[in-house]
Amino acid sequence: MKKILAGVLLASLSTAGAFAAQQPTFSLRSPDFTSGHTMPKASGGNLPDVAACKGQNISPALAWKNAPTGTKSFALIIADTQGRNGLGITHLLAYGIPSTASGMDRTALAEGRGFTGGKNSFGRDAYNGPCPPANADTHFYTFTLIATDLPANSLPAGLDTEALFNHLNGHTLGAAGIIGTFSGKQ
């Protein structure tokens, strides 16, 4: 009996392993930059009072595929952990993105289209582009797309990072990400 159970267990594990290997990977990409490389200068923030902040604040286009089974909505966070001298800056908190979406058009994140906006570090509910100091090293901007089992209209607008993460806790199904770099020396 032990041999039969061991055989069944081994067969089921082998089948599960083969099935898992066939599952496509949840992925995020941008047609505007390759992960690990420089974002377009136009994606940079545009703050008149900051010398290094002379971009056009054009949010990059994003595309994703192979969301986990059961996904009802997505959340997208863009953050620079080096910002504010290592305390970090959140450039975008977007959630309530419907599961039917497979990307965001260029400028959509800056214009607040296609999502519910949370409050970023600038107090805005839309994209604020990279704006590292002119004398700073290259900063790394993480784009994290989170698949959730929450309906797209279930969260209120204006959540900050901590509140959003509290709402998402226990409701995440997977995440995909890319990293864009940007320098104030551009």
Protein backbone atom coordinates (compact mmCIF):
# COMPACT_ATOMS: atom_id res chain seq x y z
CA MET A 1 0.00 0.00 0.00
CA LYS A 2 2.85 2.39 0.89
CA LYS A 3 4.44 1.72 -2.52
CA ILE A 4 1.16 2.44 -4.31
CA LEU A 5 0.65 5.70 -2.39
CA ALA A 6 4.27 6.69 -3.02
CA GLY A 7 3.80 5.94 -6.72
CA VAL A 8 0.58 7.97 -6.91
CA LEU A 9 2.22 10.84 -5.05
CA LEU A 10 5.26 10.76 -7.33
CA ALA A 11 3.04 10.66 -10.43
CA SER A 12 0.91 13.58 -9.20
CA LEU A 13 3.98 15.63 -8.33
CA SER A 14 5.47 14.92 -11.74
CA THR A 15 2.23 15.96 -13.42
CA ALA A 16 1.97 19.09 -11.27
CA GLY A 17 5.56 19.97 -12.06
CA ALA A 18 4.97 19.51 -15.79
CA PHE A 19 1.77 21.58 -15.57
CA ALA A 20 3.54 24.36 -13.64
CA ALA A 21 6.31 24.39 -16.23
CA GLN A 22 3.69 24.98 -18.94
CA GLN A 23 2.09 27.97 -17.20
CA PRO A 24 3.09 31.16 -19.05
CA THR A 25 4.93 33.76 -16.99
CA PHE A 26 3.08 36.90 -15.92
CA SER A 27 5.16 39.66 -17.49
CA LEU A 28 5.31 43.44 -17.87
CA ARG A 29 7.17 45.39 -20.55
CA SER A 30 7.32 48.81 -22.13
CA PRO A 31 7.70 49.58 -25.81
CA ASP A 32 9.36 52.84 -24.72
CA PHE A 33 12.37 51.35 -22.88
CA THR A 34 13.96 48.01 -22.13
CA SER A 35 13.97 46.88 -18.50
CA GLY A 36 17.26 47.84 -16.85
CA HIS A 37 17.88 50.66 -19.31
CA THR A 38 17.28 54.40 -19.56
CA MET A 39 13.75 55.71 -19.79
CA PRO A 40 13.02 58.35 -22.45
CA LYS A 41 13.95 61.89 -21.43
CA ALA A 42 10.34 62.95 -22.10
CA SER A 43 9.25 60.58 -19.28
CA GLY A 44 11.04 62.80 -16.78
CA GLY A 45 9.07 64.96 -14.40
CA ASN A 46 8.43 68.61 -15.08
CA LEU A 47 8.59 70.75 -11.95
CA PRO A 48 9.35 74.42 -12.74
CA ASP A 49 11.10 75.05 -9.41
CA VAL A 50 13.50 72.09 -9.73
CA ALA A 51 16.48 72.56 -12.05
CA ALA A 52 16.88 68.85 -12.84
CA CYS A 53 13.18 68.40 -13.52
CA LYS A 54 12.75 69.53 -17.11
CA GLY A 55 11.14 66.49 -18.75
CA GLN A 56 7.71 66.44 -20.33
CA ASN A 57 6.10 64.12 -17.74
CA ILE A 58 4.98 61.75 -20.50
CA SER A 59 4.26 58.41 -18.88
CA PRO A 60 5.63 55.43 -20.82
CA ALA A 61 3.37 52.92 -22.52
CA LEU A 62 3.13 49.57 -20.73
CA ALA A 63 1.94 46.12 -21.80
CA TRP A 64 1.41 42.93 -19.83
CA LYS A 65 0.34 39.38 -20.48
CA ASN A 66 -0.40 36.06 -18.80
CA ALA A 67 -2.09 37.38 -15.67
CA PRO A 68 -2.68 34.70 -13.03
CA THR A 69 -5.97 32.81 -13.11
CA GLY A 70 -8.62 34.56 -11.03
CA THR A 71 -7.30 38.09 -11.64
CA LYS A 72 -10.09 40.66 -11.29
CA SER A 73 -7.99 43.84 -11.25
CA PHE A 74 -4.44 45.16 -11.26
CA ALA A 75 -2.51 47.69 -9.20
CA LEU A 76 0.58 49.47 -10.52
CA ILE A 77 3.23 51.12 -8.36
CA ILE A 78 6.15 53.14 -9.72
CA ALA A 79 8.78 53.91 -7.09
CA ASP A 80 12.32 55.23 -6.73
CA THR A 81 13.80 53.77 -3.55
CA GLN A 82 16.86 56.04 -3.87
CA GLY A 83 14.74 59.20 -3.91
CA ARG A 84 14.70 61.57 -0.94
CA ASN A 85 18.21 60.44 -0.04
CA GLY A 86 17.16 56.82 0.38
CA LEU A 87 13.75 57.33 2.00
CA GLY A 88 12.08 56.65 -1.34
CA ILE A 89 9.58 58.36 -3.58
CA THR A 90 6.39 56.89 -5.00
CA HIS A 91 5.77 58.28 -8.48
CA LEU A 92 2.47 56.47 -9.09
CA LEU A 93 -0.16 54.49 -7.21
CA ALA A 94 -2.69 53.19 -9.73
CA TYR A 95 -5.24 50.52 -8.84
CA GLY A 96 -8.66 49.38 -9.93
CA ILE A 97 -7.23 48.61 -13.37
CA PRO A 98 -9.72 46.13 -14.88
CA SER A 99 -8.58 42.57 -15.55
CA THR A 100 -9.58 43.07 -19.19
CA ALA A 101 -6.74 45.59 -19.62
CA SER A 102 -3.49 44.39 -21.13
CA GLY A 103 -1.59 47.65 -20.93
CA MET A 104 -1.60 51.41 -20.68
CA ASP A 105 -1.16 53.79 -23.59
CA ARG A 106 1.61 56.39 -23.51
CA THR A 107 0.43 59.39 -21.41
CA ALA A 108 -2.50 57.44 -19.83
CA LEU A 109 -0.79 57.22 -16.41
CA ALA A 110 0.06 60.95 -16.44
CA GLU A 111 -3.48 61.82 -17.51
CA GLY A 112 -5.11 59.55 -14.91
CA ARG A 113 -6.87 57.38 -17.51
CA GLY A 114 -7.84 53.74 -16.94
CA PHE A 115 -7.30 53.45 -13.20
CA THR A 116 -8.22 54.73 -9.75
CA GLY A 117 -5.47 57.01 -8.46
CA GLY A 118 -3.85 56.86 -5.08
CA LYS A 119 -1.74 59.68 -3.62
CA ASN A 120 1.89 59.57 -4.73
CA SER A 121 4.74 61.31 -2.89
CA PHE A 122 3.87 64.55 -4.72
CA GLY A 123 0.27 64.46 -3.43
CA ARG A 124 -1.05 63.70 -6.92
CA ASP A 125 -3.28 60.87 -8.11
CA ALA A 126 -1.41 60.40 -11.41
CA TYR A 127 2.11 59.81 -12.73
CA ASN A 128 4.93 62.15 -11.74
CA GLY A 129 7.99 61.36 -13.83
CA PRO A 130 11.56 60.80 -12.62
CA CYS A 131 13.29 63.86 -11.25
CA PRO A 132 16.58 62.92 -9.58
CA PRO A 133 18.92 65.76 -8.58
CA ALA A 134 21.26 66.99 -11.34
CA ASN A 135 24.32 65.86 -9.35
CA ALA A 136 22.85 62.45 -8.44
CA ASP A 137 23.82 59.04 -9.67
CA THR A 138 21.44 57.19 -11.93
CA HIS A 139 18.22 56.26 -10.11
CA PHE A 140 16.26 53.05 -10.63
CA TYR A 141 12.49 53.27 -11.09
CA THR A 142 10.62 50.05 -10.34
CA PHE A 143 7.35 49.42 -12.12
CA THR A 144 5.46 46.72 -10.21
CA LEU A 145 2.19 45.38 -11.60
CA ILE A 146 0.18 43.37 -9.06
CA ALA A 147 -2.64 41.02 -10.06
CA THR A 148 -5.44 40.95 -7.46
CA ASP A 149 -8.68 39.12 -6.81
CA LEU A 150 -10.43 42.40 -5.94
CA PRO A 151 -13.09 43.80 -8.28
CA ALA A 152 -11.82 46.85 -10.17
CA ASN A 153 -14.22 49.24 -8.41
CA SER A 154 -13.68 47.98 -4.86
CA LEU A 155 -11.13 50.50 -3.54
CA PRO A 156 -11.65 54.23 -2.94
CA ALA A 157 -9.55 56.87 -4.67
CA GLY A 158 -6.76 58.63 -2.82
CA LEU A 159 -5.17 55.76 -0.88
CA ASP A 160 -1.53 56.24 0.12
CA THR A 161 1.00 53.42 -0.22
CA GLU A 162 0.44 51.97 3.24
CA ALA A 163 -3.35 52.02 2.93
CA LEU A 164 -3.21 50.45 -0.54
CA PHE A 165 -0.93 47.66 0.67
CA ASN A 166 -3.24 47.05 3.65
CA HIS A 167 -6.20 46.64 1.25
CA LEU A 168 -4.20 44.37 -1.08
CA ASN A 169 -2.89 42.15 1.71
CA GLY A 170 -4.37 38.68 1.20
CA HIS A 171 -5.72 39.59 -2.25
CA THR A 172 -2.60 39.43 -4.45
CA LEU A 173 -2.23 36.66 -7.02
CA GLY A 174 1.14 37.54 -8.54
CA ALA A 175 3.35 40.39 -9.65
CA ALA A 176 5.39 41.37 -12.68
CA GLY A 177 7.90 44.17 -12.96
CA ILE A 178 10.41 46.14 -14.95
CA ILE A 179 13.02 48.72 -14.01
CA GLY A 180 13.76 51.95 -15.83
CA THR A 181 16.79 54.11 -15.12
CA PHE A 182 16.97 57.90 -15.18
CA SER A 183 19.63 60.45 -14.34
CA GLY A 184 19.37 64.13 -13.54
CA LYS A 185 22.55 64.51 -15.59
CA GLN A 186 20.74 63.70 -18.86
